[in-house]
Protein backbone atom coordinates (compact mmCIF):
# COMPACT_ATOMS: atom_id res chain seq x y z
CA MET A 1 -14.36 33.92 7.76
CA ALA A 2 -12.98 30.34 7.98
CA SER A 3 -14.10 28.33 4.82
CA SER A 4 -16.73 25.54 5.23
CA ASP A 5 -15.40 23.80 2.24
CA PRO A 6 -13.60 20.58 4.07
CA VAL A 7 -11.04 20.52 1.20
CA SER A 8 -10.25 24.34 1.58
CA TRP A 9 -10.16 23.93 5.54
CA ALA A 10 -7.83 20.98 5.08
CA ARG A 11 -5.69 22.72 2.76
CA ASP A 12 -5.66 25.90 4.82
CA ALA A 13 -4.70 23.79 7.63
CA ARG A 14 -1.76 22.26 5.69
CA ALA A 15 -0.50 25.78 4.97
CA ALA A 16 -0.65 27.21 8.56
CA LEU A 17 1.09 24.03 9.96
CA ALA A 18 3.82 24.25 7.21
CA GLY A 19 4.19 27.99 8.11
CA ALA A 20 4.55 27.10 11.47
CA VAL A 21 7.07 24.76 11.03
CA ALA A 22 9.13 26.97 9.19
CA PHE A 23 9.03 29.60 11.39
CA TRP A 24 10.19 27.54 14.58
CA PHE A 25 12.41 24.98 12.65
CA PRO A 26 13.65 27.22 9.63
CA VAL A 27 15.03 24.96 6.92
CA ALA A 28 18.71 25.56 5.50
CA CYS A 29 20.48 24.47 2.29
CA ALA A 30 22.37 21.33 2.98
CA GLY A 31 25.28 22.15 1.10
CA CYS A 32 25.87 25.98 2.00
CA GLY A 33 23.44 26.60 4.91
CA ALA A 34 21.48 29.32 3.40
CA LEU A 35 18.11 29.76 4.90
CA ASP A 36 14.77 28.87 3.77
CA VAL A 37 16.03 26.10 0.95
CA ASP A 38 16.58 22.46 1.01
CA LEU A 39 19.27 22.92 -1.60
CA CYS A 40 20.23 26.28 -3.07
CA ASP A 41 20.78 26.64 -7.13
CA GLY A 42 24.60 26.89 -6.45
CA CYS A 43 24.70 23.75 -4.53
CA ARG A 44 22.71 21.89 -6.54
CA ALA A 45 24.83 22.79 -9.53
CA ALA A 46 27.69 21.66 -7.78
CA LEU A 47 26.13 17.82 -7.71
CA ALA A 48 26.81 17.75 -11.50
CA PRO A 49 28.33 14.01 -12.01
CA ARG A 50 32.30 14.13 -12.81
CA LEU A 51 32.62 10.44 -13.28
CA ARG A 52 35.38 8.38 -12.29
CA ARG A 53 36.35 4.83 -13.31
CA ARG A 54 38.91 2.70 -11.05
CA VAL A 55 40.00 -0.52 -10.54
CA LEU A 56 39.87 -1.86 -7.16
CA LEU A 57 41.55 -5.27 -7.55
CA PRO A 58 42.08 -7.13 -10.65
CA GLY A 59 38.46 -7.69 -12.31
CA VAL A 60 36.77 -5.42 -9.66
CA GLU A 61 35.67 -2.07 -11.23
CA VAL A 62 34.04 0.67 -10.02
CA VAL A 63 32.21 3.91 -11.64
CA SER A 64 31.70 6.70 -9.06
CA ALA A 65 29.77 10.15 -9.97
CA LEU A 66 30.95 12.53 -7.33
CA GLU A 67 34.16 13.62 -5.45
CA PHE A 68 32.98 13.33 -1.58
CA ASP A 69 34.30 16.61 -0.39
CA GLY A 70 32.68 19.79 -0.13
CA VAL A 71 29.19 20.40 -1.07
CA ALA A 72 28.46 16.66 -2.21
CA ALA A 73 30.03 15.41 1.05
CA ARG A 74 27.81 17.63 3.06
CA VAL A 75 24.42 16.83 1.26
CA ILE A 76 25.27 13.05 1.49
CA ARG A 77 25.84 13.42 5.20
CA ALA A 78 22.71 15.54 5.51
CA LEU A 79 20.91 12.44 3.74
CA LYS A 80 22.31 9.74 5.79
CA ALA A 81 22.87 11.19 9.08
CA GLU A 82 20.01 14.02 9.29
CA GLY A 83 17.04 12.22 7.68
CA ARG A 84 16.97 14.67 4.95
CA THR A 85 15.46 12.00 2.52
CA GLY A 86 14.20 14.84 -0.31
CA LEU A 87 17.79 15.30 -0.99
CA ALA A 88 17.94 11.74 -2.66
CA THR A 89 15.93 13.47 -5.48
CA ALA A 90 18.97 16.22 -5.85
CA LEU A 91 21.62 13.50 -5.62
CA ALA A 92 20.23 10.85 -8.15
CA PRO A 93 20.79 12.41 -11.23
CA ALA A 94 24.76 11.56 -10.54
CA LEU A 95 24.31 8.25 -9.63
CA ALA A 96 21.96 7.73 -12.87
CA ALA A 97 24.81 8.87 -15.03
CA ALA A 98 27.36 6.34 -13.23
CA LEU A 99 24.67 3.54 -13.65
CA ALA A 100 24.56 4.56 -17.44
CA ALA A 101 28.22 4.61 -17.85
CA ALA A 102 28.74 0.94 -15.85
CA SER A 103 25.62 -0.80 -16.81
CA PRO A 104 26.03 -3.55 -19.33
CA GLU A 105 23.21 -4.45 -20.97
CA GLY A 106 20.49 -6.52 -19.06
CA ALA A 107 22.40 -6.34 -15.94
CA THR A 108 20.62 -7.17 -12.59
CA ILE A 109 21.18 -3.95 -10.25
CA THR A 110 21.48 -4.52 -6.54
CA THR A 111 22.70 -2.72 -3.49
CA VAL A 112 25.11 -2.91 -0.67
CA PRO A 113 22.79 -3.70 2.33
CA SER A 114 22.31 -1.65 5.41
CA SER A 115 22.78 -3.28 8.76
CA ARG A 116 19.92 -3.92 10.98
CA ALA A 117 20.94 -1.29 13.31
CA ALA A 118 21.35 1.38 10.86
CA VAL A 119 17.92 0.71 9.16
CA ARG A 120 16.40 0.96 12.68
CA ARG A 121 18.14 3.94 13.68
CA ARG A 122 17.38 5.80 10.33
CA GLY A 123 14.15 4.11 9.32
CA TYR A 124 15.27 3.94 5.95
CA ARG A 125 17.85 2.58 3.72
CA PRO A 126 19.67 5.65 1.92
CA VAL A 127 21.37 3.47 -0.89
CA ASP A 128 18.27 1.56 -1.79
CA LEU A 129 16.56 5.29 -1.57
CA LEU A 130 19.15 6.79 -4.11
CA ALA A 131 19.01 3.79 -6.52
CA ARG A 132 15.51 4.20 -6.85
CA ARG A 133 15.23 7.72 -7.41
CA ALA A 134 17.84 7.38 -9.94
CA GLY A 135 15.59 5.07 -11.98
CA ALA A 136 17.11 1.74 -10.95
CA ARG A 137 14.70 -1.17 -9.67
CA PRO A 138 17.31 -2.95 -7.31
CA ARG A 139 17.05 -6.36 -6.24
CA PRO A 140 17.88 -7.60 -2.68
CA LEU A 141 20.60 -10.53 -4.05
CA LEU A 142 22.53 -9.52 -0.47
CA ARG A 143 21.96 -9.63 3.32
CA VAL A 144 23.96 -8.75 6.27
CA GLY A 145 25.59 -11.90 7.49
CA ARG A 146 27.12 -10.69 10.72
CA ALA A 147 27.35 -6.93 12.12
CA ALA A 148 30.68 -5.36 11.19
CA ALA A 149 32.33 -2.51 13.32
CA ASP A 150 32.13 1.01 12.43
CA GLN A 151 34.82 1.53 9.36
CA ARG A 152 35.89 5.05 10.26
CA GLY A 153 39.12 5.38 11.62
CA LEU A 154 40.38 2.03 10.14
CA ASP A 155 43.25 1.78 7.63
CA ARG A 156 42.84 -0.47 4.36
CA ALA A 157 43.71 -3.91 5.98
CA ALA A 158 41.59 -3.24 8.97
CA ARG A 159 38.68 -2.32 6.72
CA ARG A 160 38.73 -5.68 4.71
CA ALA A 161 39.44 -7.69 7.84
CA ASN A 162 36.20 -5.95 9.45
CA VAL A 163 33.86 -6.56 6.42
CA ALA A 164 35.00 -10.29 5.96
CA GLY A 165 32.08 -12.47 6.00
CA ALA A 166 29.71 -9.55 6.48
CA PHE A 167 27.47 -10.37 3.47
CA VAL A 168 25.63 -13.28 2.48
CA ALA A 169 23.99 -14.25 -0.99
CA ARG A 170 20.14 -14.71 -0.71
CA SER A 171 20.19 -17.21 -3.68
CA PRO A 172 22.26 -18.27 -6.45
CA THR A 173 22.76 -15.56 -8.99
CA ALA A 174 23.72 -15.52 -12.71
CA GLY A 175 24.60 -13.36 -15.27
CA ARG A 176 25.64 -9.67 -14.67
CA VAL A 177 25.29 -7.64 -11.94
CA ILE A 178 25.65 -4.03 -10.67
CA VAL A 179 26.12 -3.57 -7.04
CA ILE A 180 25.53 0.23 -5.61
CA ASP A 181 27.09 1.86 -2.55
CA ASP A 182 27.12 5.24 -1.54
CA VAL A 183 30.37 6.28 -0.89
CA LEU A 184 33.95 4.50 -2.00
CA THR A 185 36.82 5.07 0.69
CA THR A 186 39.24 1.97 0.56
CA GLY A 187 36.68 -0.14 -1.36
CA ALA A 188 36.71 -3.00 1.17
CA THR A 189 33.17 -3.13 1.72
CA LEU A 190 32.60 -3.16 -2.30
CA VAL A 191 35.15 -5.75 -2.81
CA GLU A 192 33.66 -8.09 -0.31
CA ALA A 193 30.27 -7.58 -1.67
CA VAL A 194 31.42 -8.43 -5.39
CA GLY A 195 33.16 -11.63 -4.00
CA VAL A 196 30.20 -12.67 -2.78
CA LEU A 197 28.04 -12.36 -5.61
CA ARG A 198 30.44 -13.81 -7.67
CA ALA A 199 30.77 -16.85 -5.37
CA ALA A 200 26.97 -17.12 -5.83
CA GLY A 201 27.02 -17.33 -9.29
CA ALA A 202 27.69 -13.81 -11.12
CA HIS A 203 29.88 -14.23 -14.08
CA GLU A 204 30.68 -10.57 -14.09
CA VAL A 205 30.08 -7.62 -11.17
CA ILE A 206 30.56 -3.93 -11.51
CA ALA A 207 30.53 -1.63 -8.46
CA VAL A 208 28.79 2.03 -8.75
CA THR A 209 29.01 4.45 -5.96
CA LEU A 210 27.51 7.81 -5.92
CA ALA A 211 30.93 9.59 -4.44
CA TYR A 212 34.74 8.49 -4.04
CA THR A 213 36.67 9.88 -1.30
CA PRO A 214 39.38 12.06 -2.43
CA GLY A 215 42.71 9.97 -2.46
CA ARG A 216 41.32 6.80 -1.25
CA GLY A 217 39.78 3.71 -3.02
CA GLY A 218 42.66 3.48 -5.68
CA SER A 219 45.52 5.03 -6.58
CA SER A 220 45.69 7.86 -9.84
CA ARG A 221 47.55 5.19 -11.92
CA GLU A 222 44.32 2.88 -11.70
CA SER A 223 41.76 5.69 -12.32
CA GLU A 224 40.21 7.50 -15.31
CA VAL A 225 38.23 10.38 -15.53
CA ILE A 226 34.59 9.38 -17.73
CA ALA A 227 33.87 12.21 -19.89
CA THR A 228 30.28 13.60 -19.26
């Protein structure tokens, strides 16, 4: 017999709906594809931070938490391209470790802004979501000044030309600033963001990314592993 208690009825209805959704649209681990789990224990363990610090240009330093490969790459792509926002919670500890290693005392935290088209397509801003899940309270110091083309397939020089003038400071910025992005490839986007923040008045800007692409974004001579 169905319960006459409205609270119990609502709980039972939610459980039935969840069961139906799980039957018709089974969830799979974003890292390995195992069924009935968003992220299995093994893939979650693969997201433990392995911090790396590198210099993109003189005076432009970036700290990254994960190598963008294997499990980490698949989970980040699922967050960004498949709308699986719950994965931000599993990725957040790695980003928090990078922030802790990079953040000067009292630094203002901001993020590289998403384009309007990307926000409309996804309905959320992945970098802002990651930052908040990592315990940061980012301030919107930058906005998109002009739309840049898709960076995929472009070499380092073409990427820098593509993002030149892409960002604008919202207001004068003072003091130390941490700017967060999701994945470091050649560093073109971050170099542009750092330049705009400095021009707006920030006297020190450090970049932090959740992940870095192996073999890109700086040579081994320019990088160092940070003990965790």
